[in-house]
Amino acid sequence: MKSILFYTVIIYTLTYCPYCTKAKKLLNQKNIPYQEIIVDNYSDKQRLELQAKANGQRTLPQIFINDKHIGGCDALHKLEEEGKLDELVK
């Protein structure tokens, strides 16, 4: 497995989350490599840290591209629809 530092896309997910699955499906279809961090067993403290990193957002997935928070599944699909996703992951 690559070190997390080598991934352009990092996605925080829950195993039972349909939006997480939908976001990963788009990344897989576009052959965009990503580091998935499953937060099922995160402590309250870890969840609060993720929430702070995600600009206060509590829903999942939370997606970061080049260490910049872009939001969740809808934001990822919007970037794709606008033709901006490929440029961001270069």
N, C-alpha and C. Protein backbone atom coordinates (compact mmCIF):
# COMPACT_ATOMS: atom_id res chain seq x y z
N MET A 1 0.84 -1.18 0.00
CA MET A 1 0.00 0.00 0.00
C MET A 1 0.89 1.24 0.00
N LYS A 2 0.49 2.23 -0.78
CA LYS A 2 1.23 3.48 -0.83
C LYS A 2 1.06 4.23 0.49
N SER A 3 2.04 5.04 0.80
CA SER A 3 1.90 5.95 1.93
C SER A 3 0.81 6.95 1.59
N ILE A 4 0.07 7.40 2.59
CA ILE A 4 -1.01 8.36 2.37
C ILE A 4 -0.50 9.63 1.70
N LEU A 5 0.78 9.95 1.87
CA LEU A 5 1.34 11.16 1.29
C LEU A 5 1.41 11.10 -0.23
N PHE A 6 1.35 9.92 -0.82
CA PHE A 6 1.48 9.78 -2.26
C PHE A 6 0.13 9.81 -2.99
N TYR A 7 -0.96 9.84 -2.27
CA TYR A 7 -2.27 9.87 -2.90
C TYR A 7 -2.74 11.30 -3.09
N THR A 8 -3.24 11.59 -4.29
CA THR A 8 -3.81 12.90 -4.58
C THR A 8 -5.18 13.02 -3.94
N VAL A 9 -5.92 11.91 -3.90
CA VAL A 9 -7.29 11.91 -3.38
C VAL A 9 -7.34 11.06 -2.12
N ILE A 10 -7.90 11.64 -1.07
CA ILE A 10 -8.14 10.93 0.18
C ILE A 10 -9.63 11.03 0.47
N ILE A 11 -10.24 9.89 0.75
CA ILE A 11 -11.68 9.86 0.99
C ILE A 11 -11.95 9.16 2.33
N TYR A 12 -12.63 9.86 3.21
CA TYR A 12 -13.03 9.32 4.51
C TYR A 12 -14.43 8.73 4.35
N THR A 13 -14.60 7.47 4.74
CA THR A 13 -15.85 6.76 4.48
C THR A 13 -16.33 5.97 5.68
N LEU A 14 -17.58 5.53 5.58
CA LEU A 14 -18.17 4.51 6.44
C LEU A 14 -18.48 3.31 5.55
N THR A 15 -18.32 2.12 6.08
CA THR A 15 -18.52 0.92 5.25
C THR A 15 -19.96 0.77 4.77
N TYR A 16 -20.92 1.29 5.51
CA TYR A 16 -22.34 1.10 5.18
C TYR A 16 -22.97 2.33 4.53
N CYS A 17 -22.17 3.25 4.04
CA CYS A 17 -22.66 4.52 3.51
C CYS A 17 -22.85 4.47 1.99
N PRO A 18 -24.08 4.62 1.49
CA PRO A 18 -24.29 4.56 0.04
C PRO A 18 -23.63 5.72 -0.71
N TYR A 19 -23.52 6.87 -0.08
CA TYR A 19 -22.87 8.01 -0.74
C TYR A 19 -21.37 7.78 -0.86
N CYS A 20 -20.80 7.11 0.12
CA CYS A 20 -19.38 6.75 0.06
C CYS A 20 -19.14 5.80 -1.10
N THR A 21 -20.02 4.82 -1.24
CA THR A 21 -19.92 3.86 -2.33
C THR A 21 -20.04 4.55 -3.68
N LYS A 22 -20.97 5.49 -3.78
CA LYS A 22 -21.18 6.22 -5.04
C LYS A 22 -19.95 7.05 -5.40
N ALA A 23 -19.34 7.70 -4.41
CA ALA A 23 -18.14 8.51 -4.67
C ALA A 23 -16.98 7.62 -5.11
N LYS A 24 -16.79 6.50 -4.42
CA LYS A 24 -15.71 5.59 -4.79
C LYS A 24 -15.94 5.00 -6.18
N LYS A 25 -17.20 4.75 -6.52
CA LYS A 25 -17.52 4.21 -7.85
C LYS A 25 -17.07 5.18 -8.94
N LEU A 26 -17.34 6.46 -8.76
CA LEU A 26 -16.91 7.46 -9.75
C LEU A 26 -15.39 7.48 -9.87
N LEU A 27 -14.70 7.48 -8.73
CA LEU A 27 -13.23 7.49 -8.76
C LEU A 27 -12.70 6.24 -9.46
N ASN A 28 -13.29 5.10 -9.17
CA ASN A 28 -12.86 3.85 -9.80
C ASN A 28 -13.13 3.86 -11.31
N GLN A 29 -14.29 4.35 -11.71
CA GLN A 29 -14.63 4.41 -13.14
C GLN A 29 -13.64 5.29 -13.91
N LYS A 30 -13.14 6.33 -13.25
CA LYS A 30 -12.20 7.25 -13.89
C LYS A 30 -10.75 6.83 -13.66
N ASN A 31 -10.56 5.68 -13.02
CA ASN A 31 -9.21 5.18 -12.72
C ASN A 31 -8.38 6.20 -11.94
N ILE A 32 -9.03 6.88 -11.00
CA ILE A 32 -8.34 7.83 -10.13
C ILE A 32 -7.97 7.10 -8.85
N PRO A 33 -6.68 6.94 -8.58
CA PRO A 33 -6.29 6.26 -7.33
C PRO A 33 -6.63 7.13 -6.12
N TYR A 34 -6.99 6.47 -5.05
CA TYR A 34 -7.33 7.21 -3.83
C TYR A 34 -6.97 6.38 -2.61
N GLN A 35 -6.80 7.08 -1.52
CA GLN A 35 -6.60 6.44 -0.22
C GLN A 35 -7.93 6.51 0.51
N GLU A 36 -8.47 5.37 0.86
CA GLU A 36 -9.72 5.33 1.62
C GLU A 36 -9.39 5.17 3.10
N ILE A 37 -9.98 6.02 3.90
CA ILE A 37 -9.83 5.92 5.35
C ILE A 37 -11.22 5.65 5.92
N ILE A 38 -11.40 4.44 6.42
CA ILE A 38 -12.70 4.03 6.96
C ILE A 38 -12.78 4.47 8.41
N VAL A 39 -13.84 5.22 8.73
CA VAL A 39 -13.94 5.83 10.05
C VAL A 39 -14.96 5.13 10.96
N ASP A 40 -15.35 3.91 10.60
CA ASP A 40 -16.34 3.18 11.39
C ASP A 40 -16.00 3.14 12.88
N ASN A 41 -14.74 2.96 13.19
CA ASN A 41 -14.33 2.79 14.58
C ASN A 41 -13.64 4.02 15.16
N TYR A 42 -13.83 5.16 14.52
CA TYR A 42 -13.24 6.39 15.05
C TYR A 42 -13.85 6.73 16.41
N SER A 43 -13.03 7.24 17.29
CA SER A 43 -13.51 7.73 18.58
C SER A 43 -14.21 9.08 18.37
N ASP A 44 -14.90 9.55 19.38
CA ASP A 44 -15.53 10.87 19.29
C ASP A 44 -14.49 11.95 19.01
N LYS A 45 -13.33 11.83 19.64
CA LYS A 45 -12.27 12.81 19.42
C LYS A 45 -11.80 12.80 17.97
N GLN A 46 -11.62 11.61 17.41
CA GLN A 46 -11.18 11.51 16.02
C GLN A 46 -12.24 12.05 15.06
N ARG A 47 -13.50 11.82 15.37
CA ARG A 47 -14.58 12.35 14.52
C ARG A 47 -14.61 13.88 14.57
N LEU A 48 -14.39 14.44 15.75
CA LEU A 48 -14.33 15.90 15.88
C LEU A 48 -13.15 16.48 15.11
N GLU A 49 -12.02 15.78 15.13
CA GLU A 49 -10.85 16.23 14.38
C GLU A 49 -11.13 16.20 12.88
N LEU A 50 -11.79 15.15 12.41
CA LEU A 50 -12.15 15.07 11.00
C LEU A 50 -13.14 16.17 10.64
N GLN A 51 -14.11 16.42 11.51
CA GLN A 51 -15.09 17.47 11.28
C GLN A 51 -14.40 18.83 11.16
N ALA A 52 -13.43 19.09 12.01
CA ALA A 52 -12.69 20.35 11.94
C ALA A 52 -11.91 20.45 10.63
N LYS A 53 -11.28 19.36 10.22
CA LYS A 53 -10.52 19.33 8.97
C LYS A 53 -11.44 19.52 7.77
N ALA A 54 -12.70 19.07 7.90
CA ALA A 54 -13.68 19.14 6.81
C ALA A 54 -14.55 20.39 6.92
N ASN A 55 -14.00 21.44 7.48
CA ASN A 55 -14.71 22.73 7.57
C ASN A 55 -16.07 22.61 8.25
N GLY A 56 -16.13 21.78 9.29
CA GLY A 56 -17.35 21.65 10.08
C GLY A 56 -18.37 20.65 9.55
N GLN A 57 -18.13 20.08 8.39
CA GLN A 57 -19.08 19.13 7.83
C GLN A 57 -18.98 17.79 8.56
N ARG A 58 -20.15 17.21 8.87
CA ARG A 58 -20.19 15.96 9.64
C ARG A 58 -20.59 14.75 8.82
N THR A 59 -21.07 14.97 7.61
CA THR A 59 -21.53 13.86 6.78
C THR A 59 -20.35 13.18 6.10
N LEU A 60 -20.60 11.98 5.61
CA LEU A 60 -19.58 11.24 4.88
C LEU A 60 -20.14 10.84 3.52
N PRO A 61 -19.27 10.72 2.53
CA PRO A 61 -17.82 10.81 2.62
C PRO A 61 -17.35 12.26 2.72
N GLN A 62 -16.11 12.42 3.16
CA GLN A 62 -15.42 13.69 3.07
C GLN A 62 -14.22 13.44 2.18
N ILE A 63 -14.06 14.28 1.17
CA ILE A 63 -13.06 14.04 0.13
C ILE A 63 -12.09 15.21 0.08
N PHE A 64 -10.81 14.86 -0.01
CA PHE A 64 -9.74 15.85 -0.10
C PHE A 64 -8.95 15.54 -1.37
N ILE A 65 -8.67 16.58 -2.15
CA ILE A 65 -7.85 16.45 -3.34
C ILE A 65 -6.66 17.39 -3.18
N ASN A 66 -5.46 16.83 -3.26
CA ASN A 66 -4.24 17.61 -3.03
C ASN A 66 -4.32 18.36 -1.70
N ASP A 67 -4.80 17.66 -0.68
CA ASP A 67 -4.93 18.17 0.68
C ASP A 67 -5.92 19.32 0.82
N LYS A 68 -6.74 19.54 -0.20
CA LYS A 68 -7.78 20.58 -0.15
C LYS A 68 -9.13 19.89 -0.02
N HIS A 69 -9.90 20.32 0.96
CA HIS A 69 -11.22 19.74 1.18
C HIS A 69 -12.16 20.17 0.05
N ILE A 70 -12.77 19.19 -0.62
CA ILE A 70 -13.71 19.54 -1.69
C ILE A 70 -15.15 19.23 -1.32
N GLY A 71 -15.37 18.50 -0.24
CA GLY A 71 -16.73 18.19 0.20
C GLY A 71 -17.02 16.71 0.11
N GLY A 72 -18.28 16.40 -0.17
CA GLY A 72 -18.72 15.02 -0.18
C GLY A 72 -19.01 14.50 -1.58
N CYS A 73 -19.88 13.52 -1.64
CA CYS A 73 -20.21 12.84 -2.89
C CYS A 73 -20.79 13.80 -3.92
N ASP A 74 -21.73 14.63 -3.51
CA ASP A 74 -22.35 15.57 -4.45
C ASP A 74 -21.33 16.53 -5.03
N ALA A 75 -20.42 17.02 -4.20
CA ALA A 75 -19.38 17.94 -4.67
C ALA A 75 -18.46 17.25 -5.67
N LEU A 76 -18.12 16.00 -5.41
CA LEU A 76 -17.27 15.24 -6.32
C LEU A 76 -17.96 15.08 -7.68
N HIS A 77 -19.22 14.72 -7.67
CA HIS A 77 -19.96 14.54 -8.93
C HIS A 77 -20.15 15.88 -9.65
N LYS A 78 -20.31 16.95 -8.91
CA LYS A 78 -20.43 18.27 -9.53
C LYS A 78 -19.14 18.64 -10.25
N LEU A 79 -18.00 18.37 -9.61
CA LEU A 79 -16.71 18.63 -10.27
C LEU A 79 -16.61 17.85 -11.57
N GLU A 80 -17.07 16.61 -11.56
CA GLU A 80 -17.03 15.78 -12.77
C GLU A 80 -17.95 16.36 -13.85
N GLU A 81 -19.17 16.74 -13.46
CA GLU A 81 -20.12 17.31 -14.42
C GLU A 81 -19.60 18.60 -15.04
N GLU A 82 -18.86 19.38 -14.25
CA GLU A 82 -18.32 20.66 -14.74
C GLU A 82 -17.00 20.48 -15.49
N GLY A 83 -16.52 19.24 -15.57
CA GLY A 83 -15.27 18.98 -16.27
C GLY A 83 -14.03 19.43 -15.51
N LYS A 84 -14.13 19.56 -14.20
CA LYS A 84 -13.02 20.07 -13.39
C LYS A 84 -12.26 18.98 -12.62
N LEU A 85 -12.83 17.80 -12.51
CA LEU A 85 -12.23 16.76 -11.68
C LEU A 85 -10.88 16.31 -12.22
N ASP A 86 -10.80 16.06 -13.52
CA ASP A 86 -9.54 15.58 -14.10
C ASP A 86 -8.40 16.56 -13.86
N GLU A 87 -8.69 17.84 -13.98
CA GLU A 87 -7.66 18.87 -13.78
C GLU A 87 -7.18 18.88 -12.32
N LEU A 88 -8.11 18.71 -11.39
CA LEU A 88 -7.74 18.74 -9.97
C LEU A 88 -6.84 17.59 -9.56
N VAL A 89 -7.03 16.44 -10.18
CA VAL A 89 -6.27 15.25 -9.74
C VAL A 89 -4.96 15.06 -10.49
N LYS A 90 -4.62 15.97 -11.36
CA LYS A 90 -3.34 15.87 -12.10
C LYS A 90 -2.18 16.03 -11.16
